[in-house]
Protein backbone atom coordinates (compact mmCIF):
# COMPACT_ATOMS: atom_id res chain seq x y z
CA MET A 1 -5.03 8.89 4.19
CA VAL A 2 -1.97 7.69 2.77
CA PHE A 3 -1.68 4.79 0.24
CA ILE A 4 2.00 3.21 0.12
CA GLY A 5 1.48 0.48 -2.81
CA LEU A 6 -1.25 0.83 -5.53
CA GLY A 7 -1.88 -2.71 -6.59
CA SER A 8 -4.54 -5.10 -6.06
CA VAL A 9 -5.25 -3.90 -2.55
CA GLY A 10 -4.20 -0.09 -2.58
CA ALA A 11 -5.71 0.94 -5.65
CA PRO A 12 -9.51 -0.51 -5.11
CA VAL A 13 -9.26 0.39 -1.49
CA ALA A 14 -8.41 4.16 -2.40
CA LEU A 15 -11.42 4.08 -4.88
CA ALA A 16 -13.94 3.02 -2.43
CA LEU A 17 -12.80 5.32 0.44
CA VAL A 18 -12.99 8.53 -1.84
CA GLN A 19 -16.54 7.16 -2.66
CA ALA A 20 -17.20 7.09 1.02
CA GLY A 21 -15.97 10.46 1.44
CA VAL A 22 -12.41 10.52 2.23
CA GLY A 23 -11.30 14.10 1.51
CA ARG A 24 -7.63 13.87 0.96
CA VAL A 25 -5.18 10.98 -0.32
CA THR A 26 -1.65 10.89 -0.79
CA LEU A 27 -0.60 8.36 -3.24
CA ILE A 28 2.88 6.57 -3.46
CA ASP A 29 4.03 4.07 -5.76
CA PRO A 30 7.19 3.97 -7.90
CA ASP A 31 5.81 1.32 -10.28
CA ARG A 32 4.15 1.63 -13.69
CA PHE A 33 1.03 -0.05 -14.62
CA SER A 34 1.88 -3.54 -16.19
CA ILE A 35 0.17 -6.11 -18.35
CA GLN A 36 0.25 -8.35 -14.93
CA ASN A 37 -2.03 -5.66 -13.36
CA VAL A 38 -4.59 -5.84 -15.51
CA SER A 39 -6.84 -8.68 -13.97
CA ARG A 40 -6.74 -7.22 -10.62
CA HIS A 41 -6.55 -3.54 -11.00
CA PRO A 42 -8.82 -0.43 -11.76
CA GLY A 43 -6.60 0.20 -14.47
CA ASP A 44 -7.16 -1.24 -17.95
CA LEU A 45 -5.13 -1.90 -21.31
CA ARG A 46 -5.31 1.53 -22.07
CA ASP A 47 -3.00 2.16 -19.03
CA LEU A 48 -0.21 0.20 -19.80
CA GLY A 49 3.10 1.93 -19.07
CA ARG A 50 1.55 4.67 -17.20
CA GLU A 51 2.93 5.63 -13.71
CA LYS A 52 0.32 4.14 -11.23
CA THR A 53 0.06 7.37 -8.94
CA VAL A 54 -1.19 9.38 -12.24
CA LEU A 55 -3.48 6.73 -13.20
CA MET A 56 -5.23 6.40 -9.64
CA ALA A 57 -5.07 10.02 -9.40
CA GLU A 58 -7.24 10.37 -12.57
CA ARG A 59 -9.47 7.51 -11.34
CA ILE A 60 -10.14 8.98 -7.77
CA GLN A 61 -10.73 12.21 -9.43
CA ALA A 62 -13.46 11.11 -11.71
CA ARG A 63 -15.20 9.23 -8.64
CA ASN A 64 -14.95 12.17 -6.42
CA PRO A 65 -13.80 15.47 -7.98
CA GLY A 66 -13.54 17.34 -4.60
CA VAL A 67 -10.86 14.95 -3.19
CA ARG A 68 -7.31 16.35 -2.59
CA VAL A 69 -4.86 14.03 -4.22
CA ASP A 70 -0.97 14.41 -3.44
CA ARG A 71 1.36 12.30 -5.55
CA PRO A 72 4.95 12.88 -4.00
CA THR A 73 7.61 11.33 -5.94
CA LEU A 74 9.32 9.88 -3.11
CA ASP A 75 10.82 6.39 -2.30
CA VAL A 76 10.00 5.07 1.10
CA CYS A 77 13.07 2.64 1.10
CA ASP A 78 15.54 6.03 0.49
CA PRO A 79 16.63 6.97 3.93
CA ALA A 80 17.44 10.52 2.47
CA ALA A 81 13.64 11.08 1.62
CA ALA A 82 12.62 10.58 5.16
CA PRO A 83 12.30 14.32 5.94
CA ALA A 84 10.32 15.16 2.52
CA LEU A 85 8.34 11.93 3.22
CA GLN A 86 7.67 13.25 6.76
CA GLU A 87 6.45 16.60 5.46
CA ALA A 88 4.17 14.98 2.84
CA ILE A 89 2.52 12.17 4.88
CA GLY A 90 3.50 12.60 8.49
CA GLU A 91 0.47 13.62 10.08
CA ALA A 92 -2.18 11.45 7.91
CA ASP A 93 -4.77 9.77 10.07
CA LEU A 94 -3.82 6.09 8.70
CA TRP A 95 -1.43 4.78 6.41
CA LEU A 96 -2.30 1.59 4.03
CA VAL A 97 0.79 -0.17 3.35
CA SER A 98 -0.03 -2.75 0.53
CA THR A 99 3.28 -3.14 -1.30
CA ASP A 100 4.50 -6.56 -2.92
CA ASP A 101 8.03 -5.41 -1.91
CA PRO A 102 9.19 -6.63 1.69
CA ALA A 103 11.80 -3.73 2.14
CA ALA A 104 9.33 -1.09 1.31
CA ASN A 105 7.07 -2.72 3.92
CA LEU A 106 9.65 -2.79 6.49
CA ALA A 107 10.71 0.99 5.36
CA ALA A 108 7.09 2.06 5.98
CA ASN A 109 7.21 0.43 9.18
CA ARG A 110 10.13 2.16 10.33
CA LEU A 111 8.65 5.33 9.57
CA ALA A 112 5.47 4.64 11.24
CA VAL A 113 7.23 3.45 14.42
CA SER A 114 9.77 6.30 14.68
CA TRP A 115 6.96 9.03 13.59
CA GLY A 116 4.22 7.40 16.17
CA ARG A 117 1.74 6.89 13.25
CA PRO A 118 -0.75 4.16 12.66
CA ALA A 119 -0.54 1.81 9.69
CA LEU A 120 -2.56 -0.98 8.47
CA PHE A 121 -0.49 -3.51 6.44
CA VAL A 122 -2.54 -5.74 4.07
CA GLY A 123 -1.19 -8.19 1.74
CA VAL A 124 -2.57 -10.86 -0.55
CA PHE A 125 -0.34 -13.89 -1.09
CA GLU A 126 0.56 -14.88 -4.59
CA GLY A 127 -2.39 -16.86 -6.44
CA GLY A 128 -4.65 -15.53 -3.82
CA THR A 129 -3.91 -18.50 -1.27
CA GLY A 130 -4.06 -16.31 1.69
CA GLY A 131 -3.28 -13.19 2.89
CA GLU A 132 -2.49 -10.76 6.02
CA ILE A 133 -3.75 -7.79 8.06
CA PHE A 134 -1.69 -6.07 10.44
CA LEU A 135 -2.52 -2.71 12.17
CA ARG A 136 0.28 -1.03 13.66
CA SER A 137 -0.89 1.27 16.26
CA PRO A 138 1.14 3.86 18.20
CA ASP A 139 -0.71 3.09 21.59
CA ARG A 140 -0.26 -0.46 21.31
CA PRO A 141 3.16 -2.54 21.41
CA GLY A 142 4.44 -4.50 18.28
CA CYS A 143 5.16 -3.53 14.54
CA TYR A 144 5.07 -4.83 11.47
CA GLY A 145 8.82 -5.56 11.43
CA CYS A 146 8.34 -7.92 14.43
CA LEU A 147 5.52 -9.88 12.73
CA ALA A 148 8.08 -10.33 9.80
CA ALA A 149 10.64 -11.36 11.98
CA PHE A 150 8.43 -13.74 13.73
CA ARG A 151 6.89 -15.35 10.51
CA ALA A 152 10.60 -15.88 9.05
CA ARG A 153 11.46 -17.93 11.90
CA LEU A 154 8.26 -20.41 11.26
CA PRO A 155 8.62 -23.65 9.47
CA ARG A 156 7.43 -23.68 5.72
CA LEU A 157 4.70 -25.83 5.24
CA PRO A 158 4.29 -27.74 2.05
CA ARG A 159 1.56 -26.23 -0.63
CA ALA A 160 -1.55 -28.40 -0.29
CA ASP A 161 -2.53 -29.95 -3.28
CA ARG A 162 -5.67 -27.36 -4.73
CA ALA A 163 -6.40 -29.50 -7.70
CA HIS A 164 -10.32 -29.59 -8.33
CA ASP A 165 -12.45 -31.86 -10.45
């Protein structure tokens, strides 16, 4: 299983899946753990400034020492990294893409489509006001890029007042 993005979705899902018995994970995220991550991530204040892949590899191994954890230092947005990415993640059963970067989501989508790999795109909107889940499957038409293009054409609705007593 490949995790592209180790934030508020990818990190807890990775932990849950290794507890459930997933035996090999590949972690990809160029970010470092920051104060903004503390309230919604398995890391804590002691982890500030650490690479998210290193932090999560430790948490995963603590939950299930038998898991094989790979942490390629590759950027999904770098076209030159595609051959190394394909070697590192190309044959995984499923990719969970949960970045907060639209360019990274679209780059992961392009790779999944060109390599014929299934990818689950999961996102939570800012402030927890909603979210989306999209499964890109090699045997069905459509891709995350198609969804993003469709969504961009939709009219923007005003935010409802969510004030409570």
